[in-house]
Amino acid sequence: MRWHQRLVARHWTYLHRQGRPPIDPVLAALVEQTARDNPGWGCQRIQGELLGLGHRVGASAIRRILKRLISSQVPRMNAIIERWVRTCRRELLDCTLIWNQRHLCMRCGSISGSTTYTDRIRGSRMSGR
């Protein structure tokens, strides 16, 4: 049977393409530009606008182009979110790390905006120096 496979492989040498042909790169760039200029538009709205310009593109093709566009921006978005999380974590740790009861009373007073008895005494001692 191997000889038959070789015979058929030599005879049928055309390119075996599967699926639809790819979208023109100029048209894909137009879809990306339209999506960037109008971030609130969905695939069907972009499809309608392109149809008005004379370009016939399916909504699923636009969805694939936008998915590729968004996946190229993911590292940048991750960096922004990671920086935000680090900042929030640092600020929350500054506010919530409690060492002992005295520190707890001090933090509770600073969060609620009220002063405790020890804060008033220390404040008067500090002003007397």
N, C-alpha and C. Protein backbone atom coordinates (compact mmCIF):
# COMPACT_ATOMS: atom_id res chain seq x y z
N MET A 1 0.82 -1.20 0.00
CA MET A 1 0.00 0.00 0.00
C MET A 1 0.87 1.26 0.00
N ARG A 2 2.11 1.12 0.43
CA ARG A 2 2.96 2.30 0.47
C ARG A 2 3.23 2.82 -0.95
N TRP A 3 3.40 1.93 -1.90
CA TRP A 3 3.63 2.34 -3.27
C TRP A 3 2.45 3.14 -3.82
N HIS A 4 1.25 2.79 -3.35
CA HIS A 4 0.05 3.50 -3.80
C HIS A 4 0.02 4.91 -3.23
N GLN A 5 0.40 5.03 -1.98
CA GLN A 5 0.43 6.36 -1.35
C GLN A 5 1.42 7.26 -2.07
N ARG A 6 2.60 6.72 -2.41
CA ARG A 6 3.60 7.51 -3.12
C ARG A 6 3.11 7.91 -4.50
N LEU A 7 2.45 6.99 -5.16
CA LEU A 7 1.92 7.28 -6.50
C LEU A 7 0.89 8.40 -6.45
N VAL A 8 -0.01 8.32 -5.50
CA VAL A 8 -1.05 9.35 -5.37
C VAL A 8 -0.43 10.67 -4.93
N ALA A 9 0.55 10.62 -4.03
CA ALA A 9 1.18 11.85 -3.56
C ALA A 9 1.91 12.56 -4.69
N ARG A 10 2.55 11.80 -5.62
CA ARG A 10 3.24 12.41 -6.76
C ARG A 10 2.25 12.98 -7.77
N HIS A 11 1.12 12.35 -7.89
CA HIS A 11 0.14 12.77 -8.91
C HIS A 11 -0.61 14.03 -8.48
N TRP A 12 -1.04 14.10 -7.22
CA TRP A 12 -1.82 15.24 -6.73
C TRP A 12 -0.89 16.18 -5.97
N THR A 13 -0.37 17.16 -6.68
CA THR A 13 0.61 18.07 -6.08
C THR A 13 0.05 19.47 -5.83
N TYR A 14 -1.25 19.65 -5.98
CA TYR A 14 -1.82 20.99 -5.78
C TYR A 14 -1.84 21.33 -4.28
N LEU A 15 -1.96 22.62 -4.01
CA LEU A 15 -2.00 23.10 -2.63
C LEU A 15 -3.31 22.68 -1.97
N HIS A 16 -3.24 22.11 -0.80
CA HIS A 16 -4.44 21.68 -0.08
C HIS A 16 -4.87 22.77 0.88
N ARG A 17 -5.69 23.67 0.40
CA ARG A 17 -6.18 24.74 1.27
C ARG A 17 -7.52 24.32 1.85
N GLN A 18 -7.67 24.60 3.12
CA GLN A 18 -8.95 24.31 3.76
C GLN A 18 -9.56 25.61 4.26
N GLY A 19 -10.87 25.69 4.19
CA GLY A 19 -11.57 26.85 4.73
C GLY A 19 -11.65 28.00 3.73
N ARG A 20 -12.08 29.12 4.25
CA ARG A 20 -12.25 30.30 3.42
C ARG A 20 -10.91 30.97 3.15
N PRO A 21 -10.82 31.73 2.06
CA PRO A 21 -9.58 32.48 1.82
C PRO A 21 -9.43 33.58 2.86
N PRO A 22 -8.21 33.99 3.15
CA PRO A 22 -8.01 35.02 4.18
C PRO A 22 -8.55 36.38 3.73
N ILE A 23 -8.83 37.23 4.69
CA ILE A 23 -9.35 38.57 4.40
C ILE A 23 -8.19 39.44 3.96
N ASP A 24 -8.47 40.34 3.06
CA ASP A 24 -7.45 41.26 2.55
C ASP A 24 -6.86 42.06 3.71
N PRO A 25 -5.52 42.16 3.80
CA PRO A 25 -4.91 42.91 4.91
C PRO A 25 -5.33 44.38 4.97
N VAL A 26 -5.61 44.98 3.83
CA VAL A 26 -6.06 46.38 3.82
C VAL A 26 -7.43 46.48 4.48
N LEU A 27 -8.30 45.51 4.19
CA LEU A 27 -9.63 45.49 4.78
C LEU A 27 -9.55 45.21 6.28
N ALA A 28 -8.63 44.32 6.68
CA ALA A 28 -8.44 44.04 8.11
C ALA A 28 -7.94 45.28 8.84
N ALA A 29 -7.05 46.04 8.20
CA ALA A 29 -6.57 47.29 8.80
C ALA A 29 -7.69 48.31 8.93
N LEU A 30 -8.59 48.33 7.94
CA LEU A 30 -9.74 49.23 8.01
C LEU A 30 -10.68 48.85 9.15
N VAL A 31 -10.87 47.56 9.36
CA VAL A 31 -11.70 47.10 10.49
C VAL A 31 -11.06 47.50 11.81
N GLU A 32 -9.75 47.29 11.93
CA GLU A 32 -9.05 47.65 13.17
C GLU A 32 -9.13 49.15 13.43
N GLN A 33 -8.93 49.96 12.39
CA GLN A 33 -8.99 51.41 12.55
C GLN A 33 -10.40 51.86 12.96
N THR A 34 -11.42 51.26 12.34
CA THR A 34 -12.80 51.61 12.70
C THR A 34 -13.09 51.24 14.14
N ALA A 35 -12.59 50.09 14.58
CA ALA A 35 -12.82 49.67 15.96
C ALA A 35 -12.10 50.57 16.94
N ARG A 36 -10.89 51.03 16.58
CA ARG A 36 -10.15 51.94 17.48
C ARG A 36 -10.84 53.31 17.57
N ASP A 37 -11.31 53.80 16.43
CA ASP A 37 -11.95 55.11 16.40
C ASP A 37 -13.30 55.10 17.12
N ASN A 38 -13.98 53.96 17.12
CA ASN A 38 -15.31 53.86 17.71
C ASN A 38 -15.35 52.67 18.65
N PRO A 39 -14.83 52.81 19.87
CA PRO A 39 -14.72 51.66 20.77
C PRO A 39 -16.06 51.11 21.24
N GLY A 40 -17.13 51.86 21.15
CA GLY A 40 -18.43 51.38 21.60
C GLY A 40 -19.18 50.56 20.56
N TRP A 41 -18.65 50.50 19.35
CA TRP A 41 -19.32 49.78 18.29
C TRP A 41 -19.05 48.29 18.39
N GLY A 42 -20.04 47.50 18.08
CA GLY A 42 -19.89 46.05 18.04
C GLY A 42 -19.57 45.57 16.63
N CYS A 43 -19.50 44.27 16.48
CA CYS A 43 -19.15 43.67 15.18
C CYS A 43 -20.19 43.98 14.11
N GLN A 44 -21.46 43.92 14.49
CA GLN A 44 -22.51 44.15 13.50
C GLN A 44 -22.57 45.61 13.06
N ARG A 45 -22.30 46.53 13.97
CA ARG A 45 -22.28 47.95 13.61
C ARG A 45 -21.12 48.25 12.66
N ILE A 46 -19.96 47.66 12.94
CA ILE A 46 -18.81 47.83 12.06
C ILE A 46 -19.11 47.21 10.70
N GLN A 47 -19.76 46.06 10.70
CA GLN A 47 -20.13 45.39 9.46
C GLN A 47 -21.05 46.29 8.63
N GLY A 48 -22.02 46.92 9.26
CA GLY A 48 -22.93 47.82 8.56
C GLY A 48 -22.23 49.03 7.99
N GLU A 49 -21.30 49.60 8.75
CA GLU A 49 -20.57 50.77 8.27
C GLU A 49 -19.69 50.40 7.07
N LEU A 50 -19.04 49.23 7.15
CA LEU A 50 -18.21 48.80 6.03
C LEU A 50 -19.05 48.48 4.80
N LEU A 51 -20.24 47.96 5.03
CA LEU A 51 -21.15 47.69 3.92
C LEU A 51 -21.56 48.99 3.24
N GLY A 52 -21.75 50.04 4.04
CA GLY A 52 -22.06 51.35 3.49
C GLY A 52 -20.91 51.92 2.67
N LEU A 53 -19.68 51.53 3.01
CA LEU A 53 -18.51 51.98 2.24
C LEU A 53 -18.25 51.10 1.02
N GLY A 54 -19.02 50.00 0.91
CA GLY A 54 -18.86 49.13 -0.25
C GLY A 54 -18.04 47.89 0.00
N HIS A 55 -17.73 47.60 1.26
CA HIS A 55 -16.95 46.41 1.59
C HIS A 55 -17.87 45.40 2.25
N ARG A 56 -17.89 44.18 1.73
CA ARG A 56 -18.77 43.15 2.28
C ARG A 56 -17.93 42.19 3.11
N VAL A 57 -18.10 42.27 4.44
CA VAL A 57 -17.35 41.44 5.37
C VAL A 57 -18.35 40.87 6.36
N GLY A 58 -18.18 39.62 6.73
CA GLY A 58 -19.06 38.99 7.71
C GLY A 58 -18.75 39.42 9.13
N ALA A 59 -19.76 39.35 9.98
CA ALA A 59 -19.57 39.74 11.38
C ALA A 59 -18.59 38.80 12.08
N SER A 60 -18.60 37.52 11.71
CA SER A 60 -17.67 36.58 12.34
C SER A 60 -16.23 36.88 11.95
N ALA A 61 -16.01 37.34 10.71
CA ALA A 61 -14.66 37.73 10.28
C ALA A 61 -14.20 38.96 11.06
N ILE A 62 -15.10 39.89 11.26
CA ILE A 62 -14.76 41.09 12.06
C ILE A 62 -14.44 40.69 13.49
N ARG A 63 -15.22 39.75 14.02
CA ARG A 63 -14.98 39.27 15.39
C ARG A 63 -13.59 38.65 15.50
N ARG A 64 -13.18 37.86 14.49
CA ARG A 64 -11.84 37.26 14.51
C ARG A 64 -10.75 38.32 14.45
N ILE A 65 -10.95 39.34 13.63
CA ILE A 65 -9.95 40.42 13.52
C ILE A 65 -9.83 41.16 14.84
N LEU A 66 -10.98 41.46 15.47
CA LEU A 66 -10.95 42.19 16.75
C LEU A 66 -10.36 41.34 17.85
N LYS A 67 -10.61 40.04 17.81
CA LYS A 67 -10.03 39.15 18.81
C LYS A 67 -8.51 39.14 18.70
N ARG A 68 -8.00 39.13 17.47
CA ARG A 68 -6.56 39.18 17.25
C ARG A 68 -6.00 40.52 17.72
N LEU A 69 -6.74 41.60 17.49
CA LEU A 69 -6.32 42.93 17.91
C LEU A 69 -6.26 43.02 19.42
N ILE A 70 -7.28 42.50 20.10
CA ILE A 70 -7.33 42.56 21.56
C ILE A 70 -6.25 41.68 22.17
N SER A 71 -6.00 40.52 21.60
CA SER A 71 -4.98 39.63 22.16
C SER A 71 -3.59 40.24 22.04
N SER A 72 -3.37 41.14 21.07
CA SER A 72 -2.07 41.80 20.96
C SER A 72 -1.92 42.88 22.03
N GLN A 73 -3.02 43.35 22.61
CA GLN A 73 -2.95 44.39 23.64
C GLN A 73 -2.95 43.81 25.05
N VAL A 74 -3.10 42.51 25.19
CA VAL A 74 -3.23 41.91 26.51
C VAL A 74 -2.01 42.16 27.40
N PRO A 75 -0.76 42.02 26.94
CA PRO A 75 0.36 42.29 27.84
C PRO A 75 0.34 43.71 28.39
N ARG A 76 -0.05 44.69 27.57
CA ARG A 76 -0.11 46.07 28.04
C ARG A 76 -1.18 46.23 29.11
N MET A 77 -2.37 45.61 28.88
CA MET A 77 -3.45 45.70 29.86
C MET A 77 -3.05 45.00 31.16
N ASN A 78 -2.37 43.86 31.05
CA ASN A 78 -1.92 43.16 32.24
C ASN A 78 -0.97 44.02 33.06
N ALA A 79 -0.08 44.76 32.40
CA ALA A 79 0.86 45.61 33.12
C ALA A 79 0.12 46.72 33.87
N ILE A 80 -0.90 47.29 33.25
CA ILE A 80 -1.67 48.35 33.91
C ILE A 80 -2.39 47.79 35.13
N ILE A 81 -3.03 46.65 34.97
CA ILE A 81 -3.78 46.05 36.09
C ILE A 81 -2.83 45.63 37.20
N GLU A 82 -1.68 45.05 36.85
CA GLU A 82 -0.72 44.64 37.88
C GLU A 82 -0.22 45.84 38.68
N ARG A 83 0.04 46.94 38.00
CA ARG A 83 0.49 48.15 38.71
C ARG A 83 -0.60 48.65 39.65
N TRP A 84 -1.85 48.62 39.20
CA TRP A 84 -2.97 49.07 40.03
C TRP A 84 -3.13 48.16 41.25
N VAL A 85 -3.02 46.86 41.05
CA VAL A 85 -3.16 45.92 42.17
C VAL A 85 -2.03 46.12 43.17
N ARG A 86 -0.79 46.33 42.67
CA ARG A 86 0.33 46.58 43.60
C ARG A 86 0.09 47.83 44.43
N THR A 87 -0.42 48.88 43.79
CA THR A 87 -0.68 50.12 44.52
C THR A 87 -1.76 49.91 45.57
N CYS A 88 -2.84 49.25 45.19
CA CYS A 88 -3.93 48.99 46.16
C CYS A 88 -3.44 48.12 47.30
N ARG A 89 -2.67 47.11 46.99
CA ARG A 89 -2.17 46.21 48.03
C ARG A 89 -1.28 46.98 49.02
N ARG A 90 -0.42 47.84 48.47
CA ARG A 90 0.47 48.62 49.34
C ARG A 90 -0.33 49.55 50.25
N GLU A 91 -1.34 50.22 49.67
CA GLU A 91 -2.15 51.14 50.47
C GLU A 91 -2.98 50.39 51.51
N LEU A 92 -3.54 49.26 51.12
CA LEU A 92 -4.34 48.48 52.07
C LEU A 92 -3.48 47.90 53.19
N LEU A 93 -2.27 47.47 52.85
CA LEU A 93 -1.39 46.96 53.90
C LEU A 93 -1.00 48.06 54.87
N ASP A 94 -0.80 49.27 54.34
CA ASP A 94 -0.47 50.38 55.23
C ASP A 94 -1.61 50.64 56.21
N CYS A 95 -2.84 50.45 55.77
CA CYS A 95 -3.99 50.73 56.63
C CYS A 95 -4.40 49.56 57.50
N THR A 96 -4.12 48.34 57.10
CA THR A 96 -4.69 47.21 57.81
C THR A 96 -3.70 46.37 58.60
N LEU A 97 -2.41 46.64 58.47
CA LEU A 97 -1.44 45.86 59.22
C LEU A 97 -1.43 46.35 60.68
N ILE A 98 -1.82 45.49 61.59
CA ILE A 98 -1.95 45.86 63.00
C ILE A 98 -0.89 45.10 63.80
N TRP A 99 -0.10 45.83 64.60
CA TRP A 99 0.95 45.17 65.37
C TRP A 99 0.47 44.78 66.76
N ASN A 100 -0.26 45.65 67.43
CA ASN A 100 -0.73 45.36 68.78
C ASN A 100 -2.00 46.16 69.06
N GLN A 101 -2.47 46.11 70.31
CA GLN A 101 -3.74 46.76 70.64
C GLN A 101 -3.64 48.28 70.52
N ARG A 102 -2.53 48.83 70.90
CA ARG A 102 -2.35 50.27 70.82
C ARG A 102 -2.42 50.74 69.36
N HIS A 103 -1.78 49.98 68.51
CA HIS A 103 -1.80 50.32 67.09
C HIS A 103 -3.22 50.18 66.52
N LEU A 104 -3.95 49.16 67.00
CA LEU A 104 -5.33 48.96 66.57
C LEU A 104 -6.19 50.17 66.95
N CYS A 105 -6.05 50.64 68.17
CA CYS A 105 -6.83 51.81 68.61
C CYS A 105 -6.47 53.05 67.78
N MET A 106 -5.18 53.19 67.49
CA MET A 106 -4.75 54.34 66.71
C MET A 106 -5.32 54.28 65.29
N ARG A 107 -5.27 53.11 64.67
CA ARG A 107 -5.80 52.95 63.32
C ARG A 107 -7.31 53.14 63.28
N CYS A 108 -8.00 52.60 64.24
CA CYS A 108 -9.46 52.76 64.27
C CYS A 108 -9.84 54.23 64.40
N GLY A 109 -9.07 54.97 65.18
CA GLY A 109 -9.33 56.40 65.32
C GLY A 109 -9.04 57.16 64.04
N SER A 110 -7.99 56.77 63.31
CA SER A 110 -7.66 57.50 62.08
C SER A 110 -8.63 57.17 60.96
N ILE A 111 -9.18 55.95 60.96
CA ILE A 111 -10.13 55.59 59.91
C ILE A 111 -11.47 56.26 60.16
N SER A 112 -11.93 56.25 61.42
CA SER A 112 -13.24 56.82 61.71
C SER A 112 -13.20 58.34 61.83
N GLY A 113 -12.01 58.91 61.99
CA GLY A 113 -11.91 60.35 62.08
C GLY A 113 -12.03 60.88 63.50
N SER A 114 -12.27 60.02 64.45
CA SER A 114 -12.39 60.47 65.83
C SER A 114 -11.05 60.30 66.54
N THR A 115 -10.89 61.03 67.63
CA THR A 115 -9.66 60.91 68.40
C THR A 115 -9.95 60.15 69.68
N THR A 116 -9.00 59.37 70.08
CA THR A 116 -9.16 58.61 71.32
C THR A 116 -8.52 59.39 72.47
N TYR A 117 -8.70 58.87 73.68
CA TYR A 117 -8.16 59.51 74.87
C TYR A 117 -6.64 59.61 74.78
N THR A 118 -6.00 58.53 74.31
CA THR A 118 -4.53 58.55 74.24
C THR A 118 -4.05 59.54 73.20
N ASP A 119 -4.79 59.70 72.12
CA ASP A 119 -4.39 60.67 71.10
C ASP A 119 -4.47 62.09 71.65
N ARG A 120 -5.50 62.39 72.44
CA ARG A 120 -5.62 63.73 73.01
C ARG A 120 -4.50 64.01 74.00
N ILE A 121 -4.14 63.01 74.80
CA ILE A 121 -3.06 63.22 75.77
C ILE A 121 -1.74 63.40 75.05
N ARG A 122 -1.47 62.54 74.09
CA ARG A 122 -0.21 62.64 73.35
C ARG A 122 -0.15 63.95 72.57
N GLY A 123 -1.29 64.36 72.04
CA GLY A 123 -1.32 65.61 71.30
C GLY A 123 -0.96 66.78 72.20
N SER A 124 -1.48 66.78 73.45
CA SER A 124 -1.16 67.87 74.36
C SER A 124 0.29 67.80 74.83
N ARG A 125 0.80 66.59 74.99
CA ARG A 125 2.21 66.45 75.39
C ARG A 125 3.13 66.93 74.26
N MET A 126 2.75 66.60 73.01
CA MET A 126 3.58 66.99 71.89
C MET A 126 3.57 68.51 71.71
N SER A 127 2.44 69.14 71.97
CA SER A 127 2.36 70.59 71.80
C SER A 127 3.10 71.33 72.92
N GLY A 128 3.26 70.66 74.09
CA GLY A 128 3.94 71.29 75.22
C GLY A 128 5.45 71.27 75.08
N ARG A 129 6.00 70.48 74.19
CA ARG A 129 7.46 70.38 74.05
C ARG A 129 8.03 71.52 73.34
